[in-house]
């Protein structure tokens, strides 16, 4: 694995999905450390929707998933992505790409000083290039903050699917998007942290993807058992207290009956609403 800010070496990655309400782990998938996070994502998302019949409306992801392809595939499934975003590579103290406004109707970018960057070409990877006129840049009062290196004009690249990414970023910056993204940090990040700190998932106990998958699945199963128990207890606390009170009363009656040497068999006490 070679990642910025991460240790280099031989690792496995666990791709985990949780629900936003109870933080139940709904999917676990293990890959080698050199597999990018975005590669298995759509396949795992489709698998969960098909297998469990989930009515998914929003998906929360970290900034590593903010690619044009992922945004396009999410929107094509009538879902709303809530994905963290970064500025991307840029030169310090220079205008980033987001300082320029794209005008869809004219297919041009407009710089902070209201000059146009017009379409030039499209490369084989689907990126369109927009360049300014050198004459405009030479007389621009913003050129010290805009021009990079020894270039006499500014060039911006835009992917043919970038509109999907802009849609996701726009929603993520909204009040509702911020609320959903905050919830993501409280769920899946917490689930990973508990797995590492409380259940020994920081290190692999065996070798091979199949055996590491066993470890990850068992860890997720244990976490789910704890979560389900907590949810049932919180929803049924008053019921359990009522049942406990009934059993205490029956126990007192039974003690009184035993003193009189009368044998009584209690056959059944039932209630069908325990877990509803």
Protein backbone atom coordinates (compact mmCIF):
# COMPACT_ATOMS: atom_id res chain seq x y z
CA UNK A 1 0.00 0.00 0.00
CA UNK A 2 1.30 3.44 -0.98
CA UNK A 3 -0.91 6.25 0.31
CA UNK A 4 -0.20 9.78 1.44
CA UNK A 5 -0.11 9.96 5.21
CA UNK A 6 -0.31 6.15 5.57
CA UNK A 7 2.44 3.63 6.35
CA UNK A 8 3.86 1.77 3.36
CA UNK A 9 3.83 -2.01 3.41
CA UNK A 10 1.66 -5.10 3.10
CA UNK A 11 -1.88 -4.45 4.30
CA UNK A 12 -5.50 -5.46 3.82
CA UNK A 13 -8.37 -3.00 3.53
CA UNK A 14 -11.81 -3.57 5.00
CA UNK A 15 -14.57 -1.78 3.10
CA UNK A 16 -17.43 -1.43 5.59
CA UNK A 17 -20.98 -0.12 5.28
CA UNK A 18 -23.29 0.74 8.18
CA UNK A 19 -26.85 2.02 8.42
CA UNK A 20 -27.32 5.61 9.59
CA UNK A 21 -29.97 4.91 12.23
CA UNK A 22 -28.55 2.19 14.50
CA UNK A 23 -24.98 1.86 13.16
CA UNK A 24 -25.51 -1.81 12.26
CA UNK A 25 -22.82 -3.18 9.93
CA UNK A 26 -24.58 -4.16 6.69
CA UNK A 27 -21.60 -5.15 4.55
CA UNK A 28 -17.95 -6.15 4.97
CA UNK A 29 -15.60 -6.61 2.03
CA UNK A 30 -11.83 -7.23 2.22
CA UNK A 31 -9.33 -6.32 -0.51
CA UNK A 32 -5.53 -6.07 -0.71
CA UNK A 33 -4.06 -2.76 0.38
CA UNK A 34 -3.24 -1.64 -3.17
CA UNK A 35 -6.91 -1.59 -4.25
CA UNK A 36 -8.42 1.90 -4.38
CA UNK A 37 -11.49 2.47 -2.20
CA UNK A 38 -13.67 3.43 -5.16
CA UNK A 39 -13.14 0.20 -7.13
CA UNK A 40 -15.48 -2.15 -5.19
CA UNK A 41 -17.91 0.51 -3.93
CA UNK A 42 -20.73 0.46 -6.50
CA UNK A 43 -20.74 -3.33 -6.66
CA UNK A 44 -21.09 -3.58 -2.86
CA UNK A 45 -23.80 -0.91 -2.83
CA UNK A 46 -25.85 -2.75 -5.48
CA UNK A 47 -25.38 -6.04 -3.62
CA UNK A 48 -26.83 -4.66 -0.39
CA UNK A 49 -29.82 -2.99 -2.06
CA UNK A 50 -30.64 -6.19 -3.97
CA UNK A 51 -30.03 -8.64 -1.12
CA UNK A 52 -31.72 -6.78 1.73
CA UNK A 53 -34.22 -4.67 -0.22
CA UNK A 54 -32.94 -1.43 1.33
CA UNK A 55 -34.82 1.75 0.40
CA UNK A 56 -31.69 3.90 0.16
CA UNK A 57 -32.04 7.65 -0.34
CA UNK A 58 -28.61 9.00 0.70
CA UNK A 59 -25.10 7.57 0.80
CA UNK A 60 -22.40 9.18 2.95
CA UNK A 61 -18.77 8.77 1.90
CA UNK A 62 -15.43 10.36 2.72
CA UNK A 63 -13.47 12.52 0.30
CA UNK A 64 -11.60 9.57 -1.21
CA UNK A 65 -14.79 8.58 -3.05
CA UNK A 66 -15.35 11.98 -4.68
CA UNK A 67 -14.67 10.99 -8.29
CA UNK A 68 -16.64 11.84 -11.39
CA UNK A 69 -17.45 8.18 -12.05
CA UNK A 70 -18.72 7.44 -8.52
CA UNK A 71 -20.89 10.58 -8.51
CA UNK A 72 -22.32 9.67 -11.92
CA UNK A 73 -23.15 6.09 -10.88
CA UNK A 74 -24.77 7.21 -7.62
CA UNK A 75 -27.01 9.75 -9.36
CA UNK A 76 -27.94 7.24 -12.07
CA UNK A 77 -29.34 5.03 -9.28
CA UNK A 78 -31.57 7.91 -8.11
CA UNK A 79 -29.54 8.32 -4.93
CA UNK A 80 -28.12 11.48 -3.41
CA UNK A 81 -24.45 11.36 -2.56
CA UNK A 82 -23.05 13.19 0.47
CA UNK A 83 -19.30 13.09 0.00
CA UNK A 84 -16.47 15.01 1.63
CA UNK A 85 -14.45 17.20 -0.73
CA UNK A 86 -10.91 18.52 -1.02
CA UNK A 87 -9.44 21.37 -3.05
CA UNK A 88 -7.20 18.96 -4.91
CA UNK A 89 -3.61 19.61 -6.02
CA UNK A 90 -2.87 23.31 -6.47
CA UNK A 91 -0.05 25.79 -6.04
CA UNK A 92 0.03 27.64 -2.74
CA UNK A 93 -1.24 31.25 -2.79
CA UNK A 94 -2.67 30.79 -6.28
CA UNK A 95 -6.29 30.72 -7.41
CA UNK A 96 -7.73 27.23 -7.41
CA UNK A 97 -10.10 25.90 -10.05
CA UNK A 98 -13.05 26.74 -7.81
CA UNK A 99 -12.35 30.46 -8.14
CA UNK A 100 -13.55 30.21 -11.74
CA UNK A 101 -17.24 30.03 -12.63
CA UNK A 102 -18.39 27.59 -15.29
CA UNK A 103 -21.19 28.81 -17.62
CA UNK A 104 -22.89 25.74 -19.04
CA UNK A 105 -24.87 27.56 -21.75
CA UNK A 106 -21.72 28.99 -23.33
CA UNK A 107 -19.36 26.14 -22.34
CA UNK A 108 -16.81 28.58 -20.94
CA UNK A 109 -15.16 29.43 -17.63
CA UNK A 110 -15.18 32.98 -16.28
CA UNK A 111 -12.21 34.14 -14.21
CA UNK A 112 -12.45 36.43 -11.14
CA UNK A 113 -11.68 39.43 -13.39
CA UNK A 114 -14.52 38.49 -15.79
CA UNK A 115 -12.37 37.18 -18.67
CA UNK A 116 -13.37 34.03 -20.55
CA UNK A 117 -11.49 30.74 -20.64
CA UNK A 118 -12.69 29.00 -23.82
CA UNK A 119 -12.76 25.34 -24.76
CA UNK A 120 -9.66 24.02 -26.57
CA UNK A 121 -9.59 20.22 -26.69
CA UNK A 122 -10.60 16.96 -24.96
CA UNK A 123 -8.04 14.30 -24.06
CA UNK A 124 -8.50 10.52 -24.13
CA UNK A 125 -9.36 10.44 -20.42
CA UNK A 126 -12.40 12.66 -20.92
CA UNK A 127 -10.91 15.91 -19.63
CA UNK A 128 -11.78 19.11 -21.53
CA UNK A 129 -9.26 21.97 -21.51
CA UNK A 130 -10.26 25.63 -21.22
CA UNK A 131 -7.65 28.35 -21.75
CA UNK A 132 -7.61 32.11 -21.40
CA UNK A 133 -6.25 34.56 -23.96
CA UNK A 134 -2.63 35.59 -23.15
CA UNK A 135 -3.44 39.22 -24.03
CA UNK A 136 -6.19 39.31 -21.40
CA UNK A 137 -3.89 37.82 -18.77
CA UNK A 138 -1.06 40.26 -19.54
CA UNK A 139 -3.28 43.22 -18.62
CA UNK A 140 -5.05 41.52 -15.70
CA UNK A 141 -4.66 42.85 -12.17
CA UNK A 142 -5.06 39.29 -10.77
CA UNK A 143 -2.29 37.64 -12.78
CA UNK A 144 0.07 37.35 -9.80
CA UNK A 145 -2.56 35.23 -8.03
CA UNK A 146 -3.71 33.37 -11.12
CA UNK A 147 -0.86 32.50 -13.50
CA UNK A 148 1.23 29.48 -12.55
CA UNK A 149 4.96 29.28 -13.20
CA UNK A 150 6.11 30.92 -16.43
CA UNK A 151 2.79 30.46 -18.24
CA UNK A 152 1.32 33.53 -19.89
CA UNK A 153 -2.26 32.25 -19.63
CA UNK A 154 -4.40 30.06 -17.38
CA UNK A 155 -5.70 26.59 -18.30
CA UNK A 156 -8.43 24.67 -16.46
CA UNK A 157 -9.45 21.05 -17.00
CA UNK A 158 -13.03 19.84 -16.68
CA UNK A 159 -14.19 16.23 -16.97
CA UNK A 160 -17.16 15.43 -19.21
CA UNK A 161 -18.93 14.00 -16.11
CA UNK A 162 -17.98 16.83 -13.78
CA UNK A 163 -21.56 18.06 -13.59
CA UNK A 164 -22.39 15.00 -11.47
CA UNK A 165 -19.59 15.84 -9.04
CA UNK A 166 -20.75 19.46 -8.80
CA UNK A 167 -24.25 18.24 -7.95
CA UNK A 168 -22.90 16.14 -5.08
CA UNK A 169 -20.64 18.90 -3.74
CA UNK A 170 -23.49 21.44 -3.92
CA UNK A 171 -25.76 19.19 -1.85
CA UNK A 172 -23.00 18.32 0.63
CA UNK A 173 -22.48 22.04 1.31
CA UNK A 174 -26.20 22.54 2.02
CA UNK A 175 -27.57 22.46 5.57
CA UNK A 176 -29.11 19.03 5.07
CA UNK A 177 -25.94 17.71 3.47
CA UNK A 178 -23.83 18.93 6.38
CA UNK A 179 -26.18 17.20 8.83
CA UNK A 180 -25.98 13.90 6.95
CA UNK A 181 -22.20 14.09 6.60
CA UNK A 182 -21.85 14.78 10.31
CA UNK A 183 -23.94 11.68 10.98
CA UNK A 184 -21.53 9.67 8.82
CA UNK A 185 -18.63 10.59 11.10
CA UNK A 186 -20.67 9.46 14.11
CA UNK A 187 -21.50 6.05 12.61
CA UNK A 188 -19.02 4.34 10.30
CA UNK A 189 -15.97 6.11 11.74
CA UNK A 190 -17.07 5.07 15.24
CA UNK A 191 -17.66 1.51 14.01
CA UNK A 192 -14.11 1.30 12.61
CA UNK A 193 -12.65 2.80 15.78
CA UNK A 194 -14.45 0.30 18.02
CA UNK A 195 -13.34 -2.59 15.80
CA UNK A 196 -9.71 -1.51 16.10
CA UNK A 197 -9.61 -0.50 19.74
CA UNK A 198 -11.99 -3.01 21.32
CA UNK A 199 -11.94 -6.02 19.02
CA UNK A 200 -8.34 -6.36 17.83
CA UNK A 201 -8.95 -5.47 14.18
CA UNK A 202 -5.88 -3.27 14.01
CA UNK A 203 -3.82 -6.34 13.08
CA UNK A 204 -4.53 -9.45 11.00
CA UNK A 205 -4.42 -12.71 12.96
CA UNK A 206 -4.00 -14.90 9.87
CA UNK A 207 -2.71 -14.62 6.31
CA UNK A 208 -4.68 -14.63 3.09
CA UNK A 209 -7.71 -12.64 2.00
CA UNK A 210 -10.16 -15.45 2.84
CA UNK A 211 -8.92 -15.79 6.43
CA UNK A 212 -8.73 -12.02 6.93
CA UNK A 213 -12.33 -11.84 5.66
CA UNK A 214 -13.30 -14.35 8.36
CA UNK A 215 -11.73 -12.16 11.03
CA UNK A 216 -13.47 -9.03 9.73
CA UNK A 217 -16.86 -10.75 9.40
CA UNK A 218 -16.67 -12.21 12.91
CA UNK A 219 -15.69 -8.81 14.30
CA UNK A 220 -18.64 -7.17 12.54
CA UNK A 221 -20.96 -9.92 13.82
CA UNK A 222 -19.87 -9.30 17.42
CA UNK A 223 -20.35 -5.54 17.01
CA UNK A 224 -23.81 -6.11 15.54
CA UNK A 225 -24.82 -8.36 18.43
CA UNK A 226 -23.90 -5.61 20.87
CA UNK A 227 -25.75 -2.96 18.86
CA UNK A 228 -28.88 -5.09 18.43
CA UNK A 229 -28.94 -5.91 22.15
CA UNK A 230 -28.67 -2.22 23.02
CA UNK A 231 -31.43 -1.27 20.59
CA UNK A 232 -33.80 -3.96 21.88
CA UNK A 233 -33.07 -3.01 25.47
CA UNK A 234 -33.65 0.71 24.86
CA UNK A 235 -36.95 0.06 23.06
CA UNK A 236 -38.19 -2.58 25.47
CA UNK A 237 -36.98 -1.29 28.85
CA UNK A 238 -40.43 -0.51 30.22
CA UNK A 239 -41.72 -3.85 28.99
CA UNK A 240 -38.89 -5.73 30.70
CA UNK A 241 -39.56 -3.82 33.94
CA UNK A 242 -43.24 -4.80 33.76
CA UNK A 243 -42.40 -8.47 33.12
CA UNK A 244 -39.87 -8.42 35.98
CA UNK A 245 -42.51 -7.01 38.34
CA UNK A 246 -44.95 -9.78 37.33
CA UNK A 247 -42.36 -12.51 37.96
CA UNK A 248 -41.54 -11.04 41.37
CA UNK A 249 -45.19 -11.13 42.34
CA UNK A 250 -45.53 -14.73 41.09
CA UNK A 251 -42.42 -15.70 43.05
CA UNK A 252 -43.92 -14.31 46.28
CA UNK A 253 -47.17 -16.18 45.62
CA UNK A 254 -45.25 -19.39 44.97
CA UNK A 255 -43.36 -19.02 48.25
CA UNK A 256 -46.63 -18.54 50.09
CA UNK A 257 -48.16 -21.59 48.40
CA UNK A 258 -45.11 -23.73 49.18
CA UNK A 259 -45.53 -22.93 52.86
CA UNK A 260 -49.04 -24.36 52.67
CA UNK A 261 -47.62 -27.46 50.90
CA UNK A 262 -49.78 -26.84 47.82
CA UNK A 263 -48.17 -27.75 44.50
CA UNK A 264 -49.04 -25.51 41.58
CA UNK A 265 -47.44 -25.67 38.16
CA UNK A 266 -47.26 -22.50 36.14
CA UNK A 267 -47.32 -23.65 32.55
CA UNK A 268 -46.98 -20.56 30.41
CA UNK A 269 -46.66 -16.81 30.56
CA UNK A 270 -46.45 -15.27 27.10
CA UNK A 271 -46.55 -11.99 25.28
CA UNK A 272 -46.12 -11.65 21.53
CA UNK A 273 -45.06 -7.99 21.59
CA UNK A 274 -41.61 -8.38 23.11
CA UNK A 275 -39.51 -7.20 20.16
CA UNK A 276 -42.00 -4.97 18.36
